[in-house]
Amino acid sequence: MDLVVNHTSDEHEWFRRSRGGDAEYEDYYYWREGDDGPPNNW
């Protein structure tokens, strides 16, 4: 089977709960503040 585990869809339950502030999933993805734009130049 082909498997993608570097990333998921933004519609995955993990991401939905992470963006919603669920403490259990808060750090499942890379989140950063950025008052002046993206956190880095990648």
PDB file of all heavy atoms in Angstrom:
ATOM      1  N   MET A   1       0.835  -1.201   0.000  1.00  0.00           N
ATOM      2  CA  MET A   1       0.000   0.000   0.000  1.00  0.00           C
ATOM      3  C   MET A   1       0.871   1.252   0.000  1.00  0.00           C
ATOM      4  O   MET A   1       1.901   1.313   0.676  1.00  0.00           O
ATOM      5  CB  MET A   1      -0.905   0.008   1.234  1.00  0.00           C
ATOM      6  CG  MET A   1      -1.938  -1.109   1.254  1.00  0.00           C
ATOM      7  SD  MET A   1      -3.285  -0.830   0.082  1.00  0.00           S
ATOM      8  CE  MET A   1      -4.256   0.391   0.982  1.00  0.00           C
ATOM      9  N   ASP A   2       0.429   2.239  -0.737  1.00  0.00           N
ATOM     10  CA  ASP A   2       1.077   3.550  -0.732  1.00  0.00           C
ATOM     11  C   ASP A   2       0.614   4.301   0.512  1.00  0.00           C
ATOM     12  O   ASP A   2      -0.578   4.328   0.819  1.00  0.00           O
ATOM     13  CB  ASP A   2       0.676   4.325  -1.986  1.00  0.00           C
ATOM     14  CG  ASP A   2       1.743   5.290  -2.456  1.00  0.00           C
ATOM     15  OD1 ASP A   2       2.536   5.748  -1.615  1.00  0.00           O
ATOM     16  OD2 ASP A   2       1.789   5.594  -3.662  1.00  0.00           O
ATOM     17  N   LEU A   3       1.553   4.880   1.228  1.00  0.00           N
ATOM     18  CA  LEU A   3       1.225   5.522   2.495  1.00  0.00           C
ATOM     19  C   LEU A   3       1.914   6.874   2.598  1.00  0.00           C
ATOM     20  O   LEU A   3       3.096   6.999   2.254  1.00  0.00           O
ATOM     21  CB  LEU A   3       1.662   4.624   3.659  1.00  0.00           C
ATOM     22  CG  LEU A   3       1.240   5.059   5.060  1.00  0.00           C
ATOM     23  CD1 LEU A   3      -0.286   5.023   5.207  1.00  0.00           C
ATOM     24  CD2 LEU A   3       1.887   4.162   6.105  1.00  0.00           C
ATOM     25  N   VAL A   4       1.183   7.868   3.069  1.00  0.00           N
ATOM     26  CA  VAL A   4       1.705   9.219   3.232  1.00  0.00           C
ATOM     27  C   VAL A   4       1.601   9.588   4.706  1.00  0.00           C
ATOM     28  O   VAL A   4       0.495   9.778   5.221  1.00  0.00           O
ATOM     29  CB  VAL A   4       0.921  10.242   2.389  1.00  0.00           C
ATOM     30  CG1 VAL A   4       1.657  11.584   2.369  1.00  0.00           C
ATOM     31  CG2 VAL A   4       0.678   9.737   0.980  1.00  0.00           C
ATOM     32  N   VAL A   5       2.748   9.678   5.376  1.00  0.00           N
ATOM     33  CA  VAL A   5       2.726  10.014   6.803  1.00  0.00           C
ATOM     34  C   VAL A   5       3.603  11.220   7.125  1.00  0.00           C
ATOM     35  O   VAL A   5       3.762  11.565   8.299  1.00  0.00           O
ATOM     36  CB  VAL A   5       3.121   8.803   7.677  1.00  0.00           C
ATOM     37  CG1 VAL A   5       2.032   7.742   7.641  1.00  0.00           C
ATOM     38  CG2 VAL A   5       4.464   8.222   7.266  1.00  0.00           C
ATOM     39  N   ASN A   6       4.163  11.876   6.118  1.00  0.00           N
ATOM     40  CA  ASN A   6       4.797  13.172   6.366  1.00  0.00           C
ATOM     41  C   ASN A   6       3.723  14.219   6.613  1.00  0.00           C
ATOM     42  O   ASN A   6       3.918  15.163   7.375  1.00  0.00           O
ATOM     43  CB  ASN A   6       5.653  13.602   5.179  1.00  0.00           C
ATOM     44  CG  ASN A   6       6.193  15.016   5.332  1.00  0.00           C
ATOM     45  OD1 ASN A   6       7.061  15.273   6.149  1.00  0.00           O
ATOM     46  ND2 ASN A   6       5.635  15.961   4.563  1.00  0.00           N
ATOM     47  N   HIS A   7       2.585  14.039   5.963  1.00  0.00           N
ATOM     48  CA  HIS A   7       1.494  14.995   6.084  1.00  0.00           C
ATOM     49  C   HIS A   7       0.157  14.267   5.973  1.00  0.00           C
ATOM     50  O   HIS A   7       0.106  13.100   5.574  1.00  0.00           O
ATOM     51  CB  HIS A   7       1.592  16.085   5.011  1.00  0.00           C
ATOM     52  CG  HIS A   7       1.810  15.561   3.617  1.00  0.00           C
ATOM     53  ND1 HIS A   7       3.070  15.423   3.068  1.00  0.00           N
ATOM     54  CD2 HIS A   7       0.948  15.112   2.668  1.00  0.00           C
ATOM     55  CE1 HIS A   7       2.967  14.941   1.844  1.00  0.00           C
ATOM     56  NE2 HIS A   7       1.691  14.730   1.580  1.00  0.00           N
ATOM     57  N   THR A   8      -0.916  14.948   6.340  1.00  0.00           N
ATOM     58  CA  THR A   8      -2.266  14.435   6.161  1.00  0.00           C
ATOM     59  C   THR A   8      -3.039  15.441   5.319  1.00  0.00           C
ATOM     60  O   THR A   8      -2.494  16.465   4.881  1.00  0.00           O
ATOM     61  CB  THR A   8      -2.999  14.270   7.505  1.00  0.00           C
ATOM     62  OG1 THR A   8      -3.249  15.578   8.066  1.00  0.00           O
ATOM     63  CG2 THR A   8      -2.181  13.438   8.490  1.00  0.00           C
ATOM     64  N   SER A   9      -4.314  15.181   5.144  1.00  0.00           N
ATOM     65  CA  SER A   9      -5.224  16.197   4.615  1.00  0.00           C
ATOM     66  C   SER A   9      -5.596  17.167   5.731  1.00  0.00           C
ATOM     67  O   SER A   9      -5.606  16.809   6.915  1.00  0.00           O
ATOM     68  CB  SER A   9      -6.487  15.530   4.082  1.00  0.00           C
ATOM     69  OG  SER A   9      -7.512  16.482   3.873  1.00  0.00           O
ATOM     70  N   ASP A  10      -5.940  18.392   5.359  1.00  0.00           N
ATOM     71  CA  ASP A  10      -6.450  19.331   6.364  1.00  0.00           C
ATOM     72  C   ASP A  10      -7.865  18.960   6.804  1.00  0.00           C
ATOM     73  O   ASP A  10      -8.424  19.573   7.718  1.00  0.00           O
ATOM     74  CB  ASP A  10      -6.393  20.777   5.860  1.00  0.00           C
ATOM     75  CG  ASP A  10      -7.313  21.037   4.682  1.00  0.00           C
ATOM     76  OD1 ASP A  10      -7.817  20.068   4.067  1.00  0.00           O
ATOM     77  OD2 ASP A  10      -7.540  22.219   4.358  1.00  0.00           O
ATOM     78  N   GLU A  11      -8.427  17.928   6.169  1.00  0.00           N
ATOM     79  CA  GLU A  11      -9.743  17.436   6.567  1.00  0.00           C
ATOM     80  C   GLU A  11      -9.644  16.210   7.476  1.00  0.00           C
ATOM     81  O   GLU A  11     -10.670  15.646   7.866  1.00  0.00           O
ATOM     82  CB  GLU A  11     -10.593  17.139   5.331  1.00  0.00           C
ATOM     83  CG  GLU A  11     -10.862  18.375   4.498  1.00  0.00           C
ATOM     84  CD  GLU A  11     -11.769  18.130   3.306  1.00  0.00           C
ATOM     85  OE1 GLU A  11     -12.557  17.164   3.354  1.00  0.00           O
ATOM     86  OE2 GLU A  11     -11.685  18.898   2.328  1.00  0.00           O
ATOM     87  N   HIS A  12      -8.419  15.794   7.803  1.00  0.00           N
ATOM     88  CA  HIS A  12      -8.240  14.693   8.751  1.00  0.00           C
ATOM     89  C   HIS A  12      -8.711  15.147  10.133  1.00  0.00           C
ATOM     90  O   HIS A  12      -8.552  16.310  10.514  1.00  0.00           O
ATOM     91  CB  HIS A  12      -6.764  14.290   8.806  1.00  0.00           C
ATOM     92  CG  HIS A  12      -6.516  12.968   9.453  1.00  0.00           C
ATOM     93  ND1 HIS A  12      -6.685  12.758  10.806  1.00  0.00           N
ATOM     94  CD2 HIS A  12      -6.111  11.770   8.935  1.00  0.00           C
ATOM     95  CE1 HIS A  12      -6.392  11.501  11.092  1.00  0.00           C
ATOM     96  NE2 HIS A  12      -6.052  10.882   9.970  1.00  0.00           N
ATOM     97  N   GLU A  13      -9.277  14.212  10.888  1.00  0.00           N
ATOM     98  CA  GLU A  13      -9.759  14.543  12.231  1.00  0.00           C
ATOM     99  C   GLU A  13      -8.651  15.140  13.087  1.00  0.00           C
ATOM    100  O   GLU A  13      -8.898  16.059  13.875  1.00  0.00           O
ATOM    101  CB  GLU A  13     -10.310  13.286  12.911  1.00  0.00           C
ATOM    102  CG  GLU A  13     -10.824  13.546  14.326  1.00  0.00           C
ATOM    103  CD  GLU A  13     -11.204  12.281  15.063  1.00  0.00           C
ATOM    104  OE1 GLU A  13     -10.939  11.181  14.528  1.00  0.00           O
ATOM    105  OE2 GLU A  13     -11.743  12.394  16.182  1.00  0.00           O
ATOM    106  N   TRP A  14      -7.420  14.646  12.953  1.00  0.00           N
ATOM    107  CA  TRP A  14      -6.320  15.180  13.759  1.00  0.00           C
ATOM    108  C   TRP A  14      -6.148  16.676  13.518  1.00  0.00           C
ATOM    109  O   TRP A  14      -5.949  17.450  14.457  1.00  0.00           O
ATOM    110  CB  TRP A  14      -5.011  14.460  13.433  1.00  0.00           C
ATOM    111  CG  TRP A  14      -4.996  12.996  13.729  1.00  0.00           C
ATOM    112  CD1 TRP A  14      -5.868  12.295  14.499  1.00  0.00           C
ATOM    113  CD2 TRP A  14      -4.032  12.054  13.239  1.00  0.00           C
ATOM    114  NE1 TRP A  14      -5.513  10.967  14.521  1.00  0.00           N
ATOM    115  CE2 TRP A  14      -4.391  10.794  13.763  1.00  0.00           C
ATOM    116  CE3 TRP A  14      -2.911  12.142  12.416  1.00  0.00           C
ATOM    117  CZ2 TRP A  14      -3.659   9.630  13.479  1.00  0.00           C
ATOM    118  CZ3 TRP A  14      -2.170  10.998  12.130  1.00  0.00           C
ATOM    119  CH2 TRP A  14      -2.553   9.751  12.667  1.00  0.00           C
ATOM    120  N   PHE A  15      -6.188  17.083  12.244  1.00  0.00           N
ATOM    121  CA  PHE A  15      -5.977  18.498  11.935  1.00  0.00           C
ATOM    122  C   PHE A  15      -7.173  19.334  12.374  1.00  0.00           C
ATOM    123  O   PHE A  15      -7.006  20.449  12.900  1.00  0.00           O
ATOM    124  CB  PHE A  15      -5.709  18.694  10.449  1.00  0.00           C
ATOM    125  CG  PHE A  15      -5.274  20.100  10.108  1.00  0.00           C
ATOM    126  CD1 PHE A  15      -3.971  20.511  10.352  1.00  0.00           C
ATOM    127  CD2 PHE A  15      -6.166  21.011   9.565  1.00  0.00           C
ATOM    128  CE1 PHE A  15      -3.563  21.813  10.060  1.00  0.00           C
ATOM    129  CE2 PHE A  15      -5.769  22.314   9.266  1.00  0.00           C
ATOM    130  CZ  PHE A  15      -4.466  22.702   9.510  1.00  0.00           C
ATOM    131  N   ARG A  16      -8.371  18.825  12.178  1.00  0.00           N
ATOM    132  CA  ARG A  16      -9.558  19.572  12.588  1.00  0.00           C
ATOM    133  C   ARG A  16      -9.523  19.839  14.093  1.00  0.00           C
ATOM    134  O   ARG A  16      -9.834  20.953  14.548  1.00  0.00           O
ATOM    135  CB  ARG A  16     -10.837  18.810  12.216  1.00  0.00           C
ATOM    136  CG  ARG A  16     -11.083  18.703  10.713  1.00  0.00           C
ATOM    137  CD  ARG A  16     -12.552  18.428  10.414  1.00  0.00           C
ATOM    138  NE  ARG A  16     -13.035  17.239  11.117  1.00  0.00           N
ATOM    139  CZ  ARG A  16     -13.051  16.018  10.612  1.00  0.00           C
ATOM    140  NH1 ARG A  16     -12.569  15.816   9.386  1.00  0.00           N
ATOM    141  NH2 ARG A  16     -13.535  15.005  11.317  1.00  0.00           N
ATOM    142  N   ARG A  17      -9.114  18.824  14.861  1.00  0.00           N
ATOM    143  CA  ARG A  17      -9.058  19.002  16.306  1.00  0.00           C
ATOM    144  C   ARG A  17      -7.875  19.883  16.713  1.00  0.00           C
ATOM    145  O   ARG A  17      -7.948  20.637  17.696  1.00  0.00           O
ATOM    146  CB  ARG A  17      -9.006  17.635  16.989  1.00  0.00           C
ATOM    147  CG  ARG A  17     -10.275  16.838  16.733  1.00  0.00           C
ATOM    148  CD  ARG A  17     -10.251  15.458  17.344  1.00  0.00           C
ATOM    149  NE  ARG A  17     -10.365  15.503  18.798  1.00  0.00           N
ATOM    150  CZ  ARG A  17     -10.590  14.432  19.547  1.00  0.00           C
ATOM    151  NH1 ARG A  17     -10.737  13.237  18.969  1.00  0.00           N
ATOM    152  NH2 ARG A  17     -10.673  14.537  20.859  1.00  0.00           N
ATOM    153  N   SER A  18      -6.794  19.800  15.950  1.00  0.00           N
ATOM    154  CA  SER A  18      -5.621  20.621  16.246  1.00  0.00           C
ATOM    155  C   SER A  18      -5.915  22.100  15.999  1.00  0.00           C
ATOM    156  O   SER A  18      -5.591  22.958  16.839  1.00  0.00           O
ATOM    157  CB  SER A  18      -4.438  20.159  15.387  1.00  0.00           C
ATOM    158  OG  SER A  18      -3.254  20.845  15.726  1.00  0.00           O
ATOM    159  N   ARG A  19      -6.527  22.404  14.869  1.00  0.00           N
ATOM    160  CA  ARG A  19      -6.842  23.812  14.571  1.00  0.00           C
ATOM    161  C   ARG A  19      -7.920  24.338  15.516  1.00  0.00           C
ATOM    162  O   ARG A  19      -8.013  25.537  15.751  1.00  0.00           O
ATOM    163  CB  ARG A  19      -7.270  23.970  13.122  1.00  0.00           C
ATOM    164  CG  ARG A  19      -8.650  23.448  12.852  1.00  0.00           C
ATOM    165  CD  ARG A  19      -9.256  23.671  11.488  1.00  0.00           C
ATOM    166  NE  ARG A  19      -8.532  24.335  10.472  1.00  0.00           N
ATOM    167  CZ  ARG A  19      -8.703  24.096   9.156  1.00  0.00           C
ATOM    168  NH1 ARG A  19      -9.568  23.154   8.776  1.00  0.00           N
ATOM    169  NH2 ARG A  19      -8.038  24.771   8.262  1.00  0.00           N
ATOM    170  N   GLY A  20      -8.735  23.434  16.066  1.00  0.00           N
ATOM    171  CA  GLY A  20      -9.803  23.851  16.968  1.00  0.00           C
ATOM    172  C   GLY A  20      -9.352  24.057  18.403  1.00  0.00           C
ATOM    173  O   GLY A  20     -10.156  24.407  19.262  1.00  0.00           O
ATOM    174  N   GLY A  21      -8.062  23.805  18.669  1.00  0.00           N
ATOM    175  CA  GLY A  21      -7.537  24.058  20.000  1.00  0.00           C
ATOM    176  C   GLY A  21      -7.658  22.899  20.959  1.00  0.00           C
ATOM    177  O   GLY A  21      -7.430  23.076  22.170  1.00  0.00           O
ATOM    178  N   ASP A  22      -7.998  21.715  20.476  1.00  0.00           N
ATOM    179  CA  ASP A  22      -8.074  20.532  21.336  1.00  0.00           C
ATOM    180  C   ASP A  22      -6.680  20.266  21.906  1.00  0.00           C
ATOM    181  O   ASP A  22      -5.720  20.028  21.160  1.00  0.00           O
ATOM    182  CB  ASP A  22      -8.556  19.335  20.515  1.00  0.00           C
ATOM    183  CG  ASP A  22      -8.820  18.094  21.350  1.00  0.00           C
ATOM    184  OD1 ASP A  22      -8.045  17.837  22.302  1.00  0.00           O
ATOM    185  OD2 ASP A  22      -9.774  17.362  21.034  1.00  0.00           O
ATOM    186  N   ALA A  23      -6.549  20.290  23.235  1.00  0.00           N
ATOM    187  CA  ALA A  23      -5.231  20.181  23.870  1.00  0.00           C
ATOM    188  C   ALA A  23      -4.525  18.882  23.500  1.00  0.00           C
ATOM    189  O   ALA A  23      -3.294  18.850  23.365  1.00  0.00           O
ATOM    190  CB  ALA A  23      -5.378  20.280  25.388  1.00  0.00           C
ATOM    191  N   GLU A  24      -5.284  17.796  23.312  1.00  0.00           N
ATOM    192  CA  GLU A  24      -4.678  16.502  22.985  1.00  0.00           C
ATOM    193  C   GLU A  24      -3.996  16.520  21.626  1.00  0.00           C
ATOM    194  O   GLU A  24      -3.026  15.798  21.401  1.00  0.00           O
ATOM    195  CB  GLU A  24      -5.749  15.410  23.025  1.00  0.00           C
ATOM    196  CG  GLU A  24      -5.208  14.008  22.785  1.00  0.00           C
ATOM    197  CD  GLU A  24      -6.291  12.946  22.846  1.00  0.00           C
ATOM    198  OE1 GLU A  24      -7.438  13.272  23.232  1.00  0.00           O
ATOM    199  OE2 GLU A  24      -6.003  11.781  22.489  1.00  0.00           O
ATOM    200  N   TYR A  25      -4.499  17.352  20.715  1.00  0.00           N
ATOM    201  CA  TYR A  25      -3.995  17.374  19.333  1.00  0.00           C
ATOM    202  C   TYR A  25      -3.253  18.668  18.979  1.00  0.00           C
ATOM    203  O   TYR A  25      -2.875  18.875  17.834  1.00  0.00           O
ATOM    204  CB  TYR A  25      -5.157  17.170  18.354  1.00  0.00           C
ATOM    205  CG  TYR A  25      -5.761  15.788  18.448  1.00  0.00           C
ATOM    206  CD1 TYR A  25      -6.784  15.523  19.359  1.00  0.00           C
ATOM    207  CD2 TYR A  25      -5.292  14.749  17.660  1.00  0.00           C
ATOM    208  CE1 TYR A  25      -7.332  14.247  19.475  1.00  0.00           C
ATOM    209  CE2 TYR A  25      -5.831  13.471  17.757  1.00  0.00           C
ATOM    210  CZ  TYR A  25      -6.842  13.224  18.667  1.00  0.00           C
ATOM    211  OH  TYR A  25      -7.375  11.955  18.770  1.00  0.00           O
ATOM    212  N   GLU A  26      -3.039  19.508  19.955  1.00  0.00           N
ATOM    213  CA  GLU A  26      -2.476  20.834  19.700  1.00  0.00           C
ATOM    214  C   GLU A  26      -1.146  20.774  18.960  1.00  0.00           C
ATOM    215  O   GLU A  26      -0.880  21.583  18.065  1.00  0.00           O
ATOM    216  CB  GLU A  26      -2.303  21.577  21.029  1.00  0.00           C
ATOM    217  CG  GLU A  26      -1.794  22.993  20.864  1.00  0.00           C
ATOM    218  CD  GLU A  26      -1.721  23.728  22.192  1.00  0.00           C
ATOM    219  OE1 GLU A  26      -1.935  23.083  23.239  1.00  0.00           O
ATOM    220  OE2 GLU A  26      -1.449  24.937  22.161  1.00  0.00           O
ATOM    221  N   ASP A  27      -0.307  19.802  19.320  1.00  0.00           N
ATOM    222  CA  ASP A  27       1.032  19.720  18.729  1.00  0.00           C
ATOM    223  C   ASP A  27       1.163  18.582  17.725  1.00  0.00           C
ATOM    224  O   ASP A  27       2.255  18.079  17.481  1.00  0.00           O
ATOM    225  CB  ASP A  27       2.069  19.537  19.838  1.00  0.00           C
ATOM    226  CG  ASP A  27       2.179  20.765  20.729  1.00  0.00           C
ATOM    227  OD1 ASP A  27       1.988  21.880  20.208  1.00  0.00           O
ATOM    228  OD2 ASP A  27       2.430  20.606  21.935  1.00  0.00           O
ATOM    229  N   TYR A  28       0.074  18.176  17.105  1.00  0.00           N
ATOM    230  CA  TYR A  28       0.140  17.141  16.064  1.00  0.00           C
ATOM    231  C   TYR A  28       0.717  17.701  14.763  1.00  0.00           C
ATOM    232  O   TYR A  28       1.153  16.952  13.897  1.00  0.00           O
ATOM    233  CB  TYR A  28      -1.250  16.559  15.796  1.00  0.00           C
ATOM    234  CG  TYR A  28      -1.563  15.303  16.586  1.00  0.00           C
ATOM    235  CD1 TYR A  28      -1.366  15.251  17.969  1.00  0.00           C
ATOM    236  CD2 TYR A  28      -2.073  14.178  15.966  1.00  0.00           C
ATOM    237  CE1 TYR A  28      -1.663  14.115  18.703  1.00  0.00           C
ATOM    238  CE2 TYR A  28      -2.370  13.017  16.677  1.00  0.00           C
ATOM    239  CZ  TYR A  28      -2.166  12.998  18.039  1.00  0.00           C
ATOM    240  OH  TYR A  28      -2.457  11.854  18.755  1.00  0.00           O
ATOM    241  N   TYR A  29       0.698  19.021  14.622  1.00  0.00           N
ATOM    242  CA  TYR A  29       1.176  19.689  13.402  1.00  0.00           C
ATOM    243  C   TYR A  29       2.086  20.841  13.811  1.00  0.00           C
ATOM    244  O   TYR A  29       2.236  21.145  14.996  1.00  0.00           O
ATOM    245  CB  TYR A  29      -0.014  20.190  12.565  1.00  0.00           C
ATOM    246  CG  TYR A  29      -0.918  19.068  12.100  1.00  0.00           C
ATOM    247  CD1 TYR A  29      -1.942  18.583  12.920  1.00  0.00           C
ATOM    248  CD2 TYR A  29      -0.743  18.472  10.859  1.00  0.00           C
ATOM    249  CE1 TYR A  29      -2.757  17.537  12.513  1.00  0.00           C
ATOM    250  CE2 TYR A  29      -1.553  17.428  10.433  1.00  0.00           C
ATOM    251  CZ  TYR A  29      -2.549  16.959  11.271  1.00  0.00           C
ATOM    252  OH  TYR A  29      -3.342  15.915  10.866  1.00  0.00           O
ATOM    253  N   TYR A  30       2.706  21.473  12.827  1.00  0.00           N
ATOM    254  CA  TYR A  30       3.591  22.606  13.083  1.00  0.00           C
ATOM    255  C   TYR A  30       2.785  23.903  13.011  1.00  0.00           C
ATOM    256  O   TYR A  30       2.397  24.347  11.919  1.00  0.00           O
ATOM    257  CB  TYR A  30       4.725  22.640  12.056  1.00  0.00           C
ATOM    258  CG  TYR A  30       5.738  21.540  12.206  1.00  0.00           C
ATOM    259  CD1 TYR A  30       5.607  20.344  11.506  1.00  0.00           C
ATOM    260  CD2 TYR A  30       6.845  21.688  13.043  1.00  0.00           C
ATOM    261  CE1 TYR A  30       6.550  19.332  11.638  1.00  0.00           C
ATOM    262  CE2 TYR A  30       7.789  20.684  13.183  1.00  0.00           C
ATOM    263  CZ  TYR A  30       7.626  19.500  12.473  1.00  0.00           C
ATOM    264  OH  TYR A  30       8.552  18.504  12.603  1.00  0.00           O
ATOM    265  N   TRP A  31       2.533  24.508  14.144  1.00  0.00           N
ATOM    266  CA  TRP A  31       1.829  25.783  14.233  1.00  0.00           C
ATOM    267  C   TRP A  31       2.788  26.854  14.734  1.00  0.00           C
ATOM    268  O   TRP A  31       3.572  26.620  15.640  1.00  0.00           O
ATOM    269  CB  TRP A  31       0.654  25.685  15.203  1.00  0.00           C
ATOM    270  CG  TRP A  31      -0.447  24.774  14.773  1.00  0.00           C
ATOM    271  CD1 TRP A  31      -0.637  23.482  15.173  1.00  0.00           C
ATOM    272  CD2 TRP A  31      -1.511  25.084  13.885  1.00  0.00           C
ATOM    273  NE1 TRP A  31      -1.763  22.964  14.577  1.00  0.00           N
ATOM    274  CE2 TRP A  31      -2.327  23.936  13.777  1.00  0.00           C
ATOM    275  CE3 TRP A  31      -1.870  26.226  13.154  1.00  0.00           C
ATOM    276  CZ2 TRP A  31      -3.466  23.880  12.984  1.00  0.00           C
ATOM    277  CZ3 TRP A  31      -3.008  26.185  12.360  1.00  0.00           C
ATOM    278  CH2 TRP A  31      -3.800  25.020  12.278  1.00  0.00           C
ATOM    279  N   ARG A  32       2.727  28.024  14.130  1.00  0.00           N
ATOM    280  CA  ARG A  32       3.566  29.133  14.554  1.00  0.00           C
ATOM    281  C   ARG A  32       2.799  30.454  14.410  1.00  0.00           C
ATOM    282  O   ARG A  32       2.015  30.630  13.469  1.00  0.00           O
ATOM    283  CB  ARG A  32       4.857  29.222  13.716  1.00  0.00           C
ATOM    284  CG  ARG A  32       5.801  28.033  13.873  1.00  0.00           C
ATOM    285  CD  ARG A  32       6.432  27.980  15.251  1.00  0.00           C
ATOM    286  NE  ARG A  32       7.427  26.927  15.365  1.00  0.00           N
ATOM    287  CZ  ARG A  32       7.168  25.655  15.682  1.00  0.00           C
ATOM    288  NH1 ARG A  32       5.908  25.284  15.902  1.00  0.00           N
ATOM    289  NH2 ARG A  32       8.136  24.770  15.779  1.00  0.00           N
ATOM    290  N   GLU A  33       3.084  31.362  15.330  1.00  0.00           N
ATOM    291  CA  GLU A  33       2.560  32.719  15.187  1.00  0.00           C
ATOM    292  C   GLU A  33       3.332  33.435  14.089  1.00  0.00           C
ATOM    293  O   GLU A  33       4.466  33.071  13.774  1.00  0.00           O
ATOM    294  CB  GLU A  33       2.680  33.472  16.505  1.00  0.00           C
ATOM    295  CG  GLU A  33       1.841  32.888  17.624  1.00  0.00           C
ATOM    296  CD  GLU A  33       2.002  33.643  18.929  1.00  0.00           C
ATOM    297  OE1 GLU A  33       2.900  34.521  18.981  1.00  0.00           O
ATOM    298  OE2 GLU A  33       1.254  33.354  19.873  1.00  0.00           O
ATOM    299  N   GLY A  34       2.739  34.470  13.540  1.00  0.00           N
ATOM    300  CA  GLY A  34       3.409  35.218  12.482  1.00  0.00           C
ATOM    301  C   GLY A  34       2.740  36.554  12.247  1.00  0.00           C
ATOM    302  O   GLY A  34       2.009  36.735  11.267  1.00  0.00           O
ATOM    303  N   ASP A  35       2.989  37.490  13.135  1.00  0.00           N
ATOM    304  CA  ASP A  35       2.340  38.800  13.036  1.00  0.00           C
ATOM    305  C   ASP A  35       2.737  39.537  11.765  1.00  0.00           C
ATOM    306  O   ASP A  35       1.949  40.319  11.206  1.00  0.00           O
ATOM    307  CB  ASP A  35       2.694  39.655  14.252  1.00  0.00           C
ATOM    308  CG  ASP A  35       2.144  39.065  15.547  1.00  0.00           C
ATOM    309  OD1 ASP A  35       1.155  38.310  15.463  1.00  0.00           O
ATOM    310  OD2 ASP A  35       2.716  39.343  16.627  1.00  0.00           O
ATOM    311  N   ASP A  36       3.962  39.279  11.303  1.00  0.00           N
ATOM    312  CA  ASP A  36       4.456  39.997  10.123  1.00  0.00           C
ATOM    313  C   ASP A  36       4.506  39.114   8.878  1.00  0.00           C
ATOM    314  O   ASP A  36       5.204  39.422   7.918  1.00  0.00           O
ATOM    315  CB  ASP A  36       5.860  40.546  10.412  1.00  0.00           C
ATOM    316  CG  ASP A  36       5.863  41.522  11.577  1.00  0.00           C
ATOM    317  OD1 ASP A  36       4.902  42.314  11.675  1.00  0.00           O
ATOM    318  OD2 ASP A  36       6.813  41.467  12.378  1.00  0.00           O
ATOM    319  N   GLY A  37       3.794  38.004   8.911  1.00  0.00           N
ATOM    320  CA  GLY A  37       3.805  37.100   7.768  1.00  0.00           C
ATOM    321  C   GLY A  37       4.281  35.716   8.170  1.00  0.00           C
ATOM    322  O   GLY A  37       4.392  35.400   9.363  1.00  0.00           O
ATOM    323  N   PRO A  38       4.573  34.846   7.196  1.00  0.00           N
ATOM    324  CA  PRO A  38       4.983  33.464   7.489  1.00  0.00           C
ATOM    325  C   PRO A  38       6.170  33.406   8.439  1.00  0.00           C
ATOM    326  O   PRO A  38       7.044  34.297   8.416  1.00  0.00           O
ATOM    327  CB  PRO A  38       5.346  32.916   6.115  1.00  0.00           C
ATOM    328  CG  PRO A  38       4.529  33.721   5.157  1.00  0.00           C
ATOM    329  CD  PRO A  38       4.477  35.096   5.743  1.00  0.00           C
ATOM    330  N   PRO A  39       6.238  32.378   9.284  1.00  0.00           N
ATOM    331  CA  PRO A  39       7.299  32.273  10.303  1.00  0.00           C
ATOM    332  C   PRO A  39       8.704  32.129   9.740  1.00  0.00           C
ATOM    333  O   PRO A  39       9.672  32.446  10.437  1.00  0.00           O
ATOM    334  CB  PRO A  39       6.897  31.010  11.080  1.00  0.00           C
ATOM    335  CG  PRO A  39       5.439  30.848  10.818  1.00  0.00           C
ATOM    336  CD  PRO A  39       5.213  31.344   9.432  1.00  0.00           C
ATOM    337  N   ASN A  40       8.860  31.618   8.537  1.00  0.00           N
ATOM    338  CA  ASN A  40      10.183  31.570   7.895  1.00  0.00           C
ATOM    339  C   ASN A  40      10.005  31.649   6.381  1.00  0.00           C
ATOM    340  O   ASN A  40       8.882  31.817   5.873  1.00  0.00           O
ATOM    341  CB  ASN A  40      10.981  30.326   8.330  1.00  0.00           C
ATOM    342  CG  ASN A  40      10.364  29.014   7.877  1.00  0.00           C
ATOM    343  OD1 ASN A  40       9.692  28.953   6.851  1.00  0.00           O
ATOM    344  ND2 ASN A  40      10.594  27.948   8.632  1.00  0.00           N
ATOM    345  N   ASN A  41      11.113  31.513   5.658  1.00  0.00           N
ATOM    346  CA  ASN A  41      11.065  31.725   4.207  1.00  0.00           C
ATOM    347  C   ASN A  41      10.972  30.436   3.401  1.00  0.00           C
ATOM    348  O   ASN A  41      11.252  30.416   2.205  1.00  0.00           O
ATOM    349  CB  ASN A  41      12.296  32.520   3.750  1.00  0.00           C
ATOM    350  CG  ASN A  41      13.606  31.739   3.933  1.00  0.00           C
ATOM    351  OD1 ASN A  41      13.637  30.703   4.617  1.00  0.00           O
ATOM    352  ND2 ASN A  41      14.684  32.227   3.322  1.00  0.00           N
ATOM    353  N   TRP A  42      10.576  29.331   4.033  1.00  0.00           N
ATOM    354  CA  TRP A  42      10.541  28.057   3.324  1.00  0.00           C
ATOM    355  C   TRP A  42       9.508  28.067   2.200  1.00  0.00           C
ATOM    356  O   TRP A  42       8.423  28.631   2.326  1.00  0.00           O
ATOM    357  CB  TRP A  42      10.193  26.923   4.285  1.00  0.00           C
ATOM    358  CG  TRP A  42      11.241  26.642   5.319  1.00  0.00           C
ATOM    359  CD1 TRP A  42      12.431  27.297   5.496  1.00  0.00           C
ATOM    360  CD2 TRP A  42      11.179  25.632   6.333  1.00  0.00           C
ATOM    361  NE1 TRP A  42      13.126  26.760   6.549  1.00  0.00           N
ATOM    362  CE2 TRP A  42      12.376  25.736   7.092  1.00  0.00           C
ATOM    363  CE3 TRP A  42      10.238  24.678   6.687  1.00  0.00           C
ATOM    364  CZ2 TRP A  42      12.634  24.891   8.176  1.00  0.00           C
ATOM    365  CZ3 TRP A  42      10.495  23.837   7.755  1.00  0.00           C
ATOM    366  CH2 TRP A  42      11.684  23.938   8.494  1.00  0.00           C
TER     367      TRP A  42
END
